C-alpha atoms as a PDB file:
ATOM      1  CA  MET A   1       0.242  46.842  15.776  1.00  0.00           C
ATOM      2  CA  VAL A   2       2.765  43.715  14.875  1.00  0.00           C
ATOM      3  CA  VAL A   3       6.161  45.807  14.067  1.00  0.00           C
ATOM      4  CA  ASP A   4       8.166  44.081  11.153  1.00  0.00           C
ATOM      5  CA  GLY A   5      10.746  42.238  12.206  1.00  0.00           C
ATOM      6  CA  ARG A   6       9.066  41.468  15.728  1.00  0.00           C
ATOM      7  CA  ALA A   7       6.269  39.869  14.309  1.00  0.00           C
ATOM      8  CA  PRO A   8       6.491  35.617  15.774  1.00  0.00           C
ATOM      9  CA  ASP A   9       8.250  33.992  12.771  1.00  0.00           C
ATOM     10  CA  PRO A  10       5.931  30.451  11.549  1.00  0.00           C
ATOM     11  CA  ARG A  11       9.457  28.727  10.441  1.00  0.00           C
ATOM     12  CA  GLU A  12       9.374  28.506  14.154  1.00  0.00           C
ATOM     13  CA  ALA A  13       7.218  25.881  14.150  1.00  0.00           C
ATOM     14  CA  ARG A  14       8.223  22.180  13.948  1.00  0.00           C
ATOM     15  CA  SER A  15       4.240  20.693  14.995  1.00  0.00           C
ATOM     16  CA  THR A  16       0.812  21.484  14.613  1.00  0.00           C
ATOM     17  CA  PRO A  17       0.709  22.363  18.785  1.00  0.00           C
ATOM     18  CA  GLU A  18       3.711  24.890  17.872  1.00  0.00           C
ATOM     19  CA  PHE A  19       1.827  26.328  14.781  1.00  0.00           C
ATOM     20  CA  ILE A  20      -1.009  27.242  17.086  1.00  0.00           C
ATOM     21  CA  ALA A  21       0.779  28.644  19.655  1.00  0.00           C
ATOM     22  CA  LEU A  22       2.554  31.223  17.634  1.00  0.00           C
ATOM     23  CA  LEU A  23      -0.504  32.124  15.764  1.00  0.00           C
ATOM     24  CA  ARG A  24      -1.885  33.317  19.717  1.00  0.00           C
ATOM     25  CA  LEU A  25       1.799  35.201  19.515  1.00  0.00           C
ATOM     26  CA  LEU A  26       1.055  37.069  16.291  1.00  0.00           C
ATOM     27  CA  LYS A  27      -2.717  38.011  17.711  1.00  0.00           C
ATOM     28  CA  GLU A  28      -0.863  39.100  21.009  1.00  0.00           C
ATOM     29  CA  ALA A  29       1.814  40.968  19.538  1.00  0.00           C
ATOM     30  CA  SER A  30      -0.980  42.259  17.223  1.00  0.00           C
ATOM     31  CA  GLY A  31      -2.462  44.000  19.921  1.00  0.00           C
ATOM     32  CA  LEU A  32      -5.542  44.113  18.762  1.00  0.00           C
ATOM     33  CA  THR A  33      -8.905  42.647  19.926  1.00  0.00           C
ATOM     34  CA  PHE A  34     -10.890  40.162  18.042  1.00  0.00           C
ATOM     35  CA  ARG A  35     -13.253  42.326  17.647  1.00  0.00           C
ATOM     36  CA  GLU A  36     -11.002  44.761  15.431  1.00  0.00           C
ATOM     37  CA  LEU A  37      -9.348  41.692  13.763  1.00  0.00           C
ATOM     38  CA  SER A  38     -12.852  41.614  12.766  1.00  0.00           C
ATOM     39  CA  GLN A  39     -13.410  44.848  11.359  1.00  0.00           C
ATOM     40  CA  ARG A  40      -9.539  44.517   9.985  1.00  0.00           C
ATOM     41  CA  ALA A  41     -10.575  42.049   7.484  1.00  0.00           C
ATOM     42  CA  GLU A  42     -13.829  42.979   6.564  1.00  0.00           C
ATOM     43  CA  ALA A  43     -12.500  45.833   5.338  1.00  0.00           C
ATOM     44  CA  VAL A  44     -10.127  44.059   2.542  1.00  0.00           C
ATOM     45  CA  GLY A  45     -12.987  42.349   2.015  1.00  0.00           C
ATOM     46  CA  ASP A  46     -12.019  39.079   4.154  1.00  0.00           C
ATOM     47  CA  VAL A  47     -14.183  36.713   6.279  1.00  0.00           C
ATOM     48  CA  LEU A  48     -13.545  36.412   9.559  1.00  0.00           C
ATOM     49  CA  PRO A  49     -16.042  36.365  12.345  1.00  0.00           C
ATOM     50  CA  ARG A  50     -14.639  36.773  15.934  1.00  0.00           C
ATOM     51  CA  SER A  51     -16.157  33.308  17.406  1.00  0.00           C
ATOM     52  CA  THR A  52     -14.109  31.898  13.727  1.00  0.00           C
ATOM     53  CA  ILE A  53     -10.301  33.459  15.127  1.00  0.00           C
ATOM     54  CA  ALA A  54     -11.518  32.313  19.040  1.00  0.00           C
ATOM     55  CA  ASN A  55     -12.235  28.837  17.997  1.00  0.00           C
ATOM     56  CA  MET A  56      -9.070  28.810  15.182  1.00  0.00           C
ATOM     57  CA  LEU A  57      -6.889  29.683  17.865  1.00  0.00           C
ATOM     58  CA  GLY A  58      -8.091  26.890  20.488  1.00  0.00           C
ATOM     59  CA  ARG A  59      -8.300  24.350  18.469  1.00  0.00           C
ATOM     60  CA  THR A  60      -5.493  21.665  17.486  1.00  0.00           C
ATOM     61  CA  SER A  61      -5.426  21.229  13.881  1.00  0.00           C
ATOM     62  CA  VAL A  62      -3.941  23.639  11.168  1.00  0.00           C
ATOM     63  CA  PRO A  63      -6.374  25.953   9.649  1.00  0.00           C
ATOM     64  CA  ARG A  64      -7.709  26.574   6.983  1.00  0.00           C
ATOM     65  CA  GLU A  65      -5.691  28.188   4.271  1.00  0.00           C
ATOM     66  CA  GLU A  66      -8.581  31.203   3.049  1.00  0.00           C
ATOM     67  CA  LEU A  67      -8.901  31.876   6.954  1.00  0.00           C
ATOM     68  CA  LEU A  68      -5.683  31.672   7.982  1.00  0.00           C
ATOM     69  CA  ALA A  69      -4.274  34.480   5.290  1.00  0.00           C
ATOM     70  CA  ALA A  70      -7.227  36.595   6.670  1.00  0.00           C
ATOM     71  CA  PHE A  71      -6.068  36.610  10.640  1.00  0.00           C
ATOM     72  CA  VAL A  72      -2.728  37.165   9.381  1.00  0.00           C
ATOM     73  CA  ARG A  73      -3.332  39.761   7.298  1.00  0.00           C
ATOM     74  CA  ALA A  74      -5.380  41.293   9.672  1.00  0.00           C
ATOM     75  CA  CYS A  75      -2.610  41.177  12.265  1.00  0.00           C
ATOM     76  CA  GLY A  76      -0.783  43.177  10.261  1.00  0.00           C
ATOM     77  CA  CYS A  77       1.577  41.003   8.522  1.00  0.00           C
ATOM     78  CA  GLY A  78       2.827  42.225   4.711  1.00  0.00           C
ATOM     79  CA  PRO A  79       2.807  39.687   1.220  1.00  0.00           C
ATOM     80  CA  GLU A  80       5.847  37.397   2.118  1.00  0.00           C
ATOM     81  CA  GLN A  81       4.943  36.573   5.917  1.00  0.00           C
ATOM     82  CA  VAL A  82       1.405  35.800   4.642  1.00  0.00           C
ATOM     83  CA  ALA A  83       3.458  33.414   2.116  1.00  0.00           C
ATOM     84  CA  ASP A  84       5.495  32.594   4.920  1.00  0.00           C
ATOM     85  CA  TRP A  85       2.533  31.725   6.889  1.00  0.00           C
ATOM     86  CA  LEU A  86       0.642  29.666   4.338  1.00  0.00           C
ATOM     87  CA  ALA A  87       3.733  27.541   3.562  1.00  0.00           C
ATOM     88  CA  VAL A  88       4.542  26.287   6.749  1.00  0.00           C
ATOM     89  CA  ARG A  89       0.949  25.872   7.075  1.00  0.00           C
ATOM     90  CA  LYS A  90       0.596  23.439   3.705  1.00  0.00           C
ATOM     91  CA  GLU A  91       4.169  21.634   5.340  1.00  0.00           C
ATOM     92  CA  LEU A  92       2.059  20.835   8.796  1.00  0.00           C
ATOM     93  CA  ALA A  93      -1.109  19.380   6.741  1.00  0.00           C
ATOM     94  CA  VAL A  94       0.986  17.279   4.524  1.00  0.00           C
ATOM     95  CA  ARG A  95       3.565  16.005   7.042  1.00  0.00           C
ATOM     96  CA  GLY A  96       2.436  16.670  10.372  1.00  0.00           C
ATOM     97  CA  GLU A  97       5.773  18.111  11.835  1.00  0.00           C
ATOM     98  CA  ARG A  98       8.384  19.716  10.336  1.00  0.00           C
ATOM     99  CA  ALA A  99      12.528  19.739  10.542  1.00  0.00           C
ATOM    100  CA  GLY A 100      13.202  23.393   9.461  1.00  0.00           C
ATOM    101  CA  THR A 101      12.930  26.252  11.525  1.00  0.00           C
ATOM    102  CA  ALA A 102      13.905  30.068  11.183  1.00  0.00           C
ATOM    103  CA  GLU A 103      17.285  29.797  12.142  1.00  0.00           C
ATOM    104  CA  ALA A 104      17.967  27.421   8.902  1.00  0.00           C
ATOM    105  CA  SER A 105      15.800  29.815   6.580  1.00  0.00           C
ATOM    106  CA  GLY A 106      17.847  32.864   7.668  1.00  0.00           C
ATOM    107  CA  ALA A 107      15.499  34.122   9.837  1.00  0.00           C
ATOM    108  CA  ALA A 108      17.272  36.038  13.517  1.00  0.00           C
ATOM    109  CA  PRO A 109      16.751  34.158  15.714  1.00  0.00           C
ATOM    110  CA  GLU A 110      15.639  36.551  18.275  1.00  0.00           C
ATOM    111  CA  ALA A 111      12.215  37.361  15.714  1.00  0.00           C
ATOM    112  CA  THR A 112       9.801  36.199  18.731  1.00  0.00           C
ATOM    113  CA  ALA A 113      11.565  37.683  21.596  1.00  0.00           C
ATOM    114  CA  GLY A 114       9.844  40.124  23.846  1.00  0.00           C
ATOM    115  CA  TYR A 115       6.728  38.310  23.847  1.00  0.00           C
ATOM    116  CA  SER A 116       4.763  35.493  26.016  1.00  0.00           C
ATOM    117  CA  SER A 117       1.932  33.552  24.699  1.00  0.00           C
ATOM    118  CA  GLU A 118      -0.828  31.470  26.592  1.00  0.00           C
ATOM    119  CA  PRO A 119       0.131  28.654  27.116  1.00  0.00           C
ATOM    120  CA  PRO A 120       3.656  29.325  26.327  1.00  0.00           C
ATOM    121  CA  THR A 121       5.460  28.555  23.673  1.00  0.00           C
ATOM    122  CA  VAL A 122       8.299  25.738  23.997  1.00  0.00           C
ATOM    123  CA  PRO A 123      12.116  26.995  23.174  1.00  0.00           C
ATOM    124  CA  LEU A 124      13.214  25.617  20.331  1.00  0.00           C
ATOM    125  CA  PRO A 125      17.017  24.170  20.687  1.00  0.00           C
ATOM    126  CA  GLY A 126      19.700  25.854  19.266  1.00  0.00           C
ATOM    127  CA  PRO A 127      22.818  24.494  17.967  1.00  0.00           C
ATOM    128  CA  ALA A 128      24.698  22.445  20.391  1.00  0.00           C
ATOM    129  CA  PRO A 129      28.088  24.484  22.044  1.00  0.00           C
ATOM    130  CA  ALA A 130      31.434  23.191  21.175  1.00  0.00           C
ATOM    131  CA  ARG A 131      32.604  20.299  23.739  1.00  0.00           C
ATOM    132  CA  ARG A 132      35.697  20.752  25.892  1.00  0.00           C
ATOM    133  CA  ARG A 133      37.187  18.554  27.447  1.00  0.00           C
ATOM    134  CA  ARG A 134      37.541  17.993  31.376  1.00  0.00           C
ATOM    135  CA  SER A 135      39.354  16.335  33.811  1.00  0.00           C
ATOM    136  CA  ARG A 136      37.967  13.645  36.256  1.00  0.00           C
ATOM    137  CA  THR A 137      37.797  15.587  39.226  1.00  0.00           C
ATOM    138  CA  VAL A 138      35.540  17.983  37.746  1.00  0.00           C
ATOM    139  CA  VAL A 139      33.164  15.211  35.903  1.00  0.00           C
ATOM    140  CA  ALA A 140      33.022  13.918  39.628  1.00  0.00           C
ATOM    141  CA  ALA A 141      32.638  17.033  41.741  1.00  0.00           C
ATOM    142  CA  ALA A 142      29.881  18.044  39.398  1.00  0.00           C
ATOM    143  CA  VAL A 143      28.404  14.502  39.100  1.00  0.00           C
ATOM    144  CA  ALA A 144      27.995  14.793  43.197  1.00  0.00           C
ATOM    145  CA  LEU A 145      26.289  18.470  42.923  1.00  0.00           C
ATOM    146  CA  VAL A 146      23.941  16.867  40.194  1.00  0.00           C
ATOM    147  CA  VAL A 147      23.247  13.314  42.739  1.00  0.00           C
ATOM    148  CA  LEU A 148      22.901  16.462  45.789  1.00  0.00           C
ATOM    149  CA  ALA A 149      20.253  18.651  43.585  1.00  0.00           C
ATOM    150  CA  ALA A 150      18.576  15.808  42.461  1.00  0.00           C
ATOM    151  CA  ALA A 151      17.576  14.130  46.321  1.00  0.00           C
ATOM    152  CA  ALA A 152      17.067  18.167  47.079  1.00  0.00           C
ATOM    153  CA  VAL A 153      14.408  18.189  44.671  1.00  0.00           C
ATOM    154  CA  THR A 154      13.124  14.768  45.314  1.00  0.00           C
ATOM    155  CA  VAL A 155      12.678  15.770  48.934  1.00  0.00           C
ATOM    156  CA  THR A 156      10.945  19.094  47.866  1.00  0.00           C
ATOM    157  CA  LEU A 157       8.630  17.145  45.647  1.00  0.00           C
ATOM    158  CA  LEU A 158       7.724  14.682  48.299  1.00  0.00           C
ATOM    159  CA  VAL A 159       7.107  17.206  50.667  1.00  0.00           C
ATOM    160  CA  ARG A 160       4.637  19.408  47.982  1.00  0.00           C
ATOM    161  CA  ASP A 161       3.162  15.810  47.526  1.00  0.00           C
ATOM    162  CA  ASP A 162       1.601  15.462  50.654  1.00  0.00           C
ATOM    163  CA  GLU A 163       0.442  19.166  51.421  1.00  0.00           C
ATOM    164  CA  ARG A 164      -0.783  18.968  48.920  1.00  0.00           C
ATOM    165  CA  LYS A 165      -2.662  15.697  49.440  1.00  0.00           C
ATOM    166  CA  ALA A 166      -3.535  16.598  53.335  1.00  0.00           C
ATOM    167  CA  THR A 167      -5.446  19.773  51.627  1.00  0.00           C
ATOM    168  CA  PRO A 168      -9.320  18.964  52.231  1.00  0.00           C
ATOM    169  CA  VAL A 169     -10.969  18.093  49.175  1.00  0.00           C
ATOM    170  CA  SER A 170     -14.903  20.234  49.128  1.00  0.00           C
ATOM    171  CA  GLY A 171     -17.586  19.243  47.406  1.00  0.00           C
ATOM    172  CA  PRO A 172     -19.849  21.904  44.996  1.00  0.00           C
ATOM    173  CA  VAL A 173     -22.658  24.118  46.703  1.00  0.00           C
ATOM    174  CA  ALA A 174     -25.067  26.300  45.191  1.00  0.00           C
ATOM    175  CA  GLY A 175     -23.480  29.711  45.213  1.00  0.00           C
ATOM    176  CA  ARG A 176     -21.349  29.773  47.360  1.00  0.00           C
ATOM    177  CA  THR A 177     -17.747  31.516  45.606  1.00  0.00           C
ATOM    178  CA  VAL A 178     -15.003  29.072  44.893  1.00  0.00           C
ATOM    179  CA  GLN A 179     -11.768  28.645  43.728  1.00  0.00           C
ATOM    180  CA  ILE A 180     -11.735  25.378  41.744  1.00  0.00           C
ATOM    181  CA  ARG A 181      -8.382  23.559  41.905  1.00  0.00           C
ATOM    182  CA  SER A 182      -6.809  20.607  40.340  1.00  0.00           C
ATOM    183  CA  VAL A 183      -5.978  17.750  43.399  1.00  0.00           C
ATOM    184  CA  HIS A 184      -3.973  16.243  40.362  1.00  0.00           C
ATOM    185  CA  SER A 185      -1.704  19.515  40.277  1.00  0.00           C
ATOM    186  CA  GLY A 186      -2.526  21.954  43.358  1.00  0.00           C
ATOM    187  CA  PHE A 187      -3.651  24.841  40.946  1.00  0.00           C
ATOM    188  CA  CYS A 188      -6.645  26.716  40.317  1.00  0.00           C
ATOM    189  CA  LEU A 189      -8.323  27.607  37.567  1.00  0.00           C
ATOM    190  CA  SER A 190      -8.109  31.325  36.008  1.00  0.00           C
ATOM    191  CA  GLU A 191      -7.967  33.138  33.231  1.00  0.00           C
ATOM    192  CA  LYS A 192      -5.641  35.625  32.105  1.00  0.00           C
ATOM    193  CA  ARG A 193      -5.661  39.018  33.075  1.00  0.00           C
ATOM    194  CA  GLY A 194      -6.178  41.402  29.904  1.00  0.00           C
ATOM    195  CA  SER A 195      -7.497  38.880  27.299  1.00  0.00           C
ATOM    196  CA  ASP A 196     -10.830  38.120  26.016  1.00  0.00           C
ATOM    197  CA  SER A 197     -10.736  35.074  24.970  1.00  0.00           C
ATOM    198  CA  GLY A 198     -12.483  33.152  28.160  1.00  0.00           C
ATOM    199  CA  ARG A 199      -9.421  30.413  28.039  1.00  0.00           C
ATOM    200  CA  LEU A 200      -8.963  28.805  31.060  1.00  0.00           C
ATOM    201  CA  TYR A 201      -5.343  27.385  32.350  1.00  0.00           C
ATOM    202  CA  GLN A 202      -4.314  26.726  35.981  1.00  0.00           C
ATOM    203  CA  VAL A 203      -2.284  29.025  38.010  1.00  0.00           C
ATOM    204  CA  PRO A 204      -0.703  29.040  41.379  1.00  0.00           C
ATOM    205  CA  CYS A 205      -3.929  29.580  43.737  1.00  0.00           C
ATOM    206  CA  GLU A 206      -2.354  32.317  46.076  1.00  0.00           C
ATOM    207  CA  GLN A 207      -2.485  33.814  43.237  1.00  0.00           C
ATOM    208  CA  GLU A 208      -5.387  35.924  42.016  1.00  0.00           C
ATOM    209  CA  THR A 209      -7.747  34.409  40.220  1.00  0.00           C
ATOM    210  CA  ILE A 210     -10.194  35.595  37.666  1.00  0.00           C
ATOM    211  CA  PRO A 211     -12.868  35.478  37.508  1.00  0.00           C
ATOM    212  CA  SER A 212     -15.035  34.197  40.106  1.00  0.00           C
ATOM    213  CA  PHE A 213     -17.198  30.981  40.052  1.00  0.00           C
ATOM    214  CA  SER A 214     -19.953  30.202  41.820  1.00  0.00           C
ATOM    215  CA  LEU A 215     -22.334  27.151  41.162  1.00  0.00           C
ATOM    216  CA  LYS A 216     -26.176  27.409  40.121  1.00  0.00           C
ATOM    217  CA  PRO A 217     -27.945  23.351  40.393  1.00  0.00           C
ATOM    218  CA  LEU A 218     -29.816  22.569  37.367  1.00  0.00           C
ATOM    219  CA  ASP A 219     -32.111  20.183  36.398  1.00  0.00           C
ATOM    220  CA  GLY A 220     -31.294  16.500  35.977  1.00  0.00           C
ATOM    221  CA  ASP A 221     -28.153  16.573  38.479  1.00  0.00           C
ATOM    222  CA  ALA A 222     -26.308  19.088  36.454  1.00  0.00           C
ATOM    223  CA  TRP A 223     -24.795  22.297  37.730  1.00  0.00           C
ATOM    224  CA  ARG A 224     -23.937  25.606  36.027  1.00  0.00           C
ATOM    225  CA  ILE A 225     -20.564  27.106  36.510  1.00  0.00           C
ATOM    226  CA  VAL A 226     -21.405  31.101  36.746  1.00  0.00           C
ATOM    227  CA  THR A 227     -18.605  33.517  36.570  1.00  0.00           C
ATOM    228  CA  ASP A 228     -18.233  36.903  37.639  1.00  0.00           C
ATOM    229  CA  HIS A 229     -15.496  38.565  35.538  1.00  0.00           C
ATOM    230  CA  PRO A 230     -13.802  42.305  36.774  1.00  0.00           C
ATOM    231  CA  ASP A 231     -14.418  43.280  33.100  1.00  0.00           C
ATOM    232  CA  TYR A 232     -16.535  41.185  31.489  1.00  0.00           C
ATOM    233  CA  ASP A 233     -19.063  40.458  34.397  1.00  0.00           C
ATOM    234  CA  LEU A 234     -21.655  38.005  34.263  1.00  0.00           C
ATOM    235  CA  GLY A 235     -20.890  34.816  32.088  1.00  0.00           C
ATOM    236  CA  CYS A 236     -20.606  31.079  32.065  1.00  0.00           C
ATOM    237  CA  THR A 237     -18.239  28.198  32.281  1.00  0.00           C
ATOM    238  CA  GLY A 238     -18.620  25.559  28.938  1.00  0.00           C
ATOM    239  CA  VAL A 239     -17.322  24.166  26.229  1.00  0.00           C
ATOM    240  CA  TRP A 240     -15.096  26.172  23.593  1.00  0.00           C
ATOM    241  CA  ASP A 241     -17.594  26.734  20.907  1.00  0.00           C
ATOM    242  CA  GLY A 242     -19.744  23.138  21.937  1.00  0.00           C
ATOM    243  CA  MET A 243     -16.975  21.469  20.175  1.00  0.00           C
ATOM    244  CA  ARG A 244     -17.756  17.405  20.795  1.00  0.00           C
ATOM    245  CA  ASP A 245     -14.784  16.174  20.826  1.00  0.00           C
ATOM    246  CA  ALA A 246     -11.423  15.579  23.149  1.00  0.00           C
ATOM    247  CA  GLY A 247      -9.085  18.515  23.473  1.00  0.00           C
ATOM    248  CA  ALA A 248     -11.708  21.218  22.707  1.00  0.00           C
ATOM    249  CA  GLY A 249     -10.887  23.882  25.668  1.00  0.00           C
ATOM    250  CA  LEU A 250     -12.559  24.899  28.620  1.00  0.00           C
ATOM    251  CA  GLN A 251     -14.105  29.017  27.836  1.00  0.00           C
ATOM    252  CA  ASP A 252     -15.851  31.458  29.996  1.00  0.00           C
ATOM    253  CA  GLN A 253     -18.083  33.427  27.728  1.00  0.00           C
ATOM    254  CA  GLU A 254     -21.659  35.299  27.536  1.00  0.00           C
ATOM    255  CA  CYS A 255     -24.151  32.554  29.011  1.00  0.00           C
ATOM    256  CA  GLY A 256     -26.910  30.780  26.664  1.00  0.00           C
ATOM    257  CA  LYS A 257     -24.257  30.814  23.532  1.00  0.00           C
ATOM    258  CA  ARG A 258     -23.432  26.746  23.869  1.00  0.00           C
ATOM    259  CA  GLY A 259     -26.825  24.865  24.962  1.00  0.00           C
ATOM    260  CA  ASP A 260     -26.120  22.388  27.066  1.00  0.00           C
ATOM    261  CA  ALA A 261     -22.324  22.652  26.372  1.00  0.00           C
ATOM    262  CA  GLU A 262     -22.266  24.751  29.708  1.00  0.00           C
ATOM    263  CA  GLU A 263     -23.755  22.117  32.034  1.00  0.00           C
ATOM    264  CA  PHE A 264     -21.177  19.944  34.257  1.00  0.00           C
ATOM    265  CA  LEU A 265     -22.070  16.731  35.773  1.00  0.00           C
ATOM    266  CA  ILE A 266     -20.288  17.056  38.889  1.00  0.00           C
ATOM    267  CA  GLU A 267     -19.245  13.091  40.370  1.00  0.00           C
ATOM    268  CA  PRO A 268     -17.739  12.385  43.520  1.00  0.00           C
ATOM    269  CA  VAL A 269     -14.451  10.052  43.357  1.00  0.00           C
ATOM    270  CA  GLY A 270     -13.461   7.707  46.177  1.00  0.00           C
ATOM    271  CA  ARG A 271     -14.154   6.975  49.279  1.00  0.00           C
ATOM    272  CA  PRO A 272     -13.523   9.062  51.117  1.00  0.00           C
ATOM    273  CA  VAL A 273     -13.737  11.481  48.464  1.00  0.00           C
ATOM    274  CA  GLU A 274     -10.289  12.316  46.922  1.00  0.00           C
ATOM    275  CA  GLY A 275     -11.865  14.674  44.256  1.00  0.00           C
ATOM    276  CA  TYR A 276     -14.939  15.514  41.809  1.00  0.00           C
ATOM    277  CA  ARG A 277     -14.938  15.017  38.137  1.00  0.00           C
ATOM    278  CA  ILE A 278     -16.287  18.022  36.375  1.00  0.00           C
ATOM    279  CA  ARG A 279     -18.209  16.293  32.591  1.00  0.00           C
ATOM    280  CA  PRO A 280     -19.742  18.629  30.305  1.00  0.00           C
ATOM    281  CA  ALA A 281     -23.051  17.199  29.524  1.00  0.00           C
ATOM    282  CA  HIS A 282     -23.478  17.400  26.252  1.00  0.00           C
ATOM    283  CA  THR A 283     -20.120  14.866  25.805  1.00  0.00           C
ATOM    284  CA  ARG A 284     -20.368  12.498  28.978  1.00  0.00           C
ATOM    285  CA  LEU A 285     -16.075  13.190  28.990  1.00  0.00           C
ATOM    286  CA  CYS A 286     -13.908  14.720  31.423  1.00  0.00           C
ATOM    287  CA  VAL A 287     -12.808  18.295  32.220  1.00  0.00           C
ATOM    288  CA  GLY A 288      -8.639  18.069  32.645  1.00  0.00           C
ATOM    289  CA  THR A 289      -5.580  19.735  31.685  1.00  0.00           C
ATOM    290  CA  GLU A 290      -4.218  19.580  28.245  1.00  0.00           C
ATOM    291  CA  ARG A 291      -1.981  15.755  28.173  1.00  0.00           C
ATOM    292  CA  ASN A 292      -3.224  16.010  32.361  1.00  0.00           C
ATOM    293  CA  SER A 293       0.061  18.092  32.713  1.00  0.00           C
ATOM    294  CA  LYS A 294       0.943  19.469  35.856  1.00  0.00           C
ATOM    295  CA  GLU A 295       2.646  22.145  34.981  1.00  0.00           C
ATOM    296  CA  ARG A 296       1.485  25.687  35.600  1.00  0.00           C
ATOM    297  CA  GLY A 297      -0.131  27.375  32.422  1.00  0.00           C
ATOM    298  CA  ALA A 298      -1.459  24.114  31.529  1.00  0.00           C
ATOM    299  CA  TYR A 299      -4.743  25.122  29.779  1.00  0.00           C
ATOM    300  CA  LEU A 300      -7.807  23.063  30.353  1.00  0.00           C
ATOM    301  CA  VAL A 301      -9.735  20.893  28.086  1.00  0.00           C
ATOM    302  CA  GLN A 302     -12.744  17.905  27.660  1.00  0.00           C
ATOM    303  CA  THR A 303     -11.470  14.666  27.679  1.00  0.00           C
ATOM    304  CA  SER A 304     -11.309  11.142  28.211  1.00  0.00           C
ATOM    305  CA  CYS A 305     -12.902   9.691  31.238  1.00  0.00           C
ATOM    306  CA  ASP A 306     -10.831   6.493  31.748  1.00  0.00           C
ATOM    307  CA  GLY A 307     -10.166   5.643  35.695  1.00  0.00           C
ATOM    308  CA  ALA A 308      -9.828   7.286  38.091  1.00  0.00           C
ATOM    309  CA  ASP A 309      -7.173   9.503  37.005  1.00  0.00           C
ATOM    310  CA  ARG A 310      -6.331  12.299  39.779  1.00  0.00           C
ATOM    311  CA  GLY A 311      -5.993  14.559  36.319  1.00  0.00           C
ATOM    312  CA  SER A 312      -9.427  14.843  35.805  1.00  0.00           C
ATOM    313  CA  LEU A 313     -10.263  15.905  39.388  1.00  0.00           C
ATOM    314  CA  PHE A 314     -10.813  18.916  41.296  1.00  0.00           C
ATOM    315  CA  SER A 315     -12.256  20.279  44.357  1.00  0.00           C
ATOM    316  CA  PHE A 316     -14.381  23.394  44.860  1.00  0.00           C
ATOM    317  CA  ASP A 317     -12.995  25.406  47.788  1.00  0.00           C
ATOM    318  CA  PRO A 318     -15.042  28.469  49.558  1.00  0.00           C
ATOM    319  CA  VAL A 319     -13.359  31.636  48.851  1.00  0.00           C
ATOM    320  CA  ALA A 320     -13.310  33.831  52.477  1.00  0.00           C
ATOM    321  CA  GLY A 321     -16.155  36.085  52.091  1.00  0.00           C
ATOM    322  CA  GLY A 322     -17.864  34.673  49.168  1.00  0.00           C
ATOM    323  CA  THR A 323     -21.704  33.799  50.334  1.00  0.00           C
ATOM    324  CA  PRO A 324     -23.611  31.313  49.805  1.00  0.00           C
ATOM    325  CA  GLY A 325     -25.974  31.624  47.359  1.00  0.00           C
ATOM    326  CA  GLY A 326     -29.737  29.991  45.890  1.00  0.00           C
END
């Protein structure tokens, strides 16, 4: 349940993506599952299906007013908080962005402290500290340190990039348990343990990734990406609610709910092969990270296939002990 004074403040949002991220944070802070939120809404006469909640938290546009109100009420917000959410939603719907923040409106800056979200919200800048005069010697020393630090970072990035380029690329094999690795970032696909959203994002491959993935061939050169989740058992990877627009998220769910949005074409790119495109069969778009991000925690979405972009290339790395199947 959201504790009064600790719930995310919608007035912190300056853009629609930040607003949606705060909604995800509100859901996490409530401690309620999609099913429990739906039941709480129904108990007070609101209509809030589980699939609608998932769709709302996966979109990149502001939700409808009545849906937003039902959701924040179900999360435990009172009338004043509901009014704040609706006011910010209206401003974003009209202008597309906001200049104000919770600090400008008098809200406590620590209102959202202590919570994490997927993806994490971008911290808003605080007031600039008062400038102090520094001697030329101090400034020169600071500049030298910055130059040395930049050089160290550059060398590190070059070494990491060489390591990633040296990592061999593996193609799809029926039934073999794999980690699905982004050639672009070097990270692997995973869900967040304890979350029931099914959203896929990228994490370091050396940490535990869930669920386990395997590939099942279908007719017409298509593949199904089968999942085995430690909490939810067998399922399938697909595009959220079978959506067709670019930016729709990749999601693990029970098989058979999204038709050909659970089928993928897997195509090699380059000679020798640099990686494989994963293309949802219902749109022929490509799978990649949001905004082509190389950052840890970036969500996987369907996006355009312009060029042989490394941001949309993947490797199906065999997992030790994974047994090939039919």
